[in-house]
Amino acid sequence: CFALASLGAPVRINDPDCVAKTFPDYFEKFSQIIHSEMK
């Protein structure tokens, strides 16, 4: 969930492969959101 980006705290995702089928570029998009929020 992208709401994690707004927490401002470290987050550990235990099973990162869980998004491979339904949202393969999840971590790329998540990273873009986090970096845009920091600017």
Protein backbone atom coordinates (compact mmCIF):
# COMPACT_ATOMS: atom_id res chain seq x y z
CA CYS A 1 0.00 0.00 0.00
CA PHE A 2 1.32 3.45 -0.88
CA ALA A 3 0.09 4.76 2.47
CA LEU A 4 3.30 3.32 3.89
CA ALA A 5 5.19 6.18 2.25
CA SER A 6 3.48 8.69 4.49
CA LEU A 7 4.53 7.03 7.75
CA GLY A 8 8.03 8.47 7.76
CA ALA A 9 9.30 5.39 9.58
CA PRO A 10 11.29 2.39 8.38
CA VAL A 11 9.12 -0.39 6.97
CA ARG A 12 10.12 -4.00 6.42
CA ILE A 13 8.20 -6.05 3.87
CA ASN A 14 8.62 -9.70 4.80
CA ASP A 15 7.58 -11.18 1.44
CA PRO A 16 8.46 -8.76 -1.36
CA ASP A 17 7.68 -11.40 -3.98
CA CYS A 18 4.00 -11.20 -3.07
CA VAL A 19 3.51 -8.34 -5.55
CA ALA A 20 5.36 -9.97 -8.46
CA LYS A 21 2.21 -11.15 -10.26
CA THR A 22 -0.33 -8.42 -9.52
CA PHE A 23 1.89 -5.31 -9.43
CA PRO A 24 5.34 -6.21 -10.83
CA ASP A 25 6.70 -2.65 -10.71
CA TYR A 26 5.38 -1.92 -7.20
CA PHE A 27 8.78 -1.24 -5.67
CA GLU A 28 9.81 1.04 -8.53
CA LYS A 29 6.62 3.10 -8.12
CA PHE A 30 6.96 3.05 -4.34
CA SER A 31 10.52 4.36 -4.60
CA GLN A 32 9.40 7.15 -6.95
CA ILE A 33 6.71 8.23 -4.49
CA ILE A 34 9.07 8.20 -1.52
CA HIS A 35 11.70 10.23 -3.35
CA SER A 36 9.16 12.76 -4.64
CA GLU A 37 7.82 13.23 -1.09
CA MET A 38 11.33 13.96 0.23
CA LYS A 39 11.89 16.87 -2.17
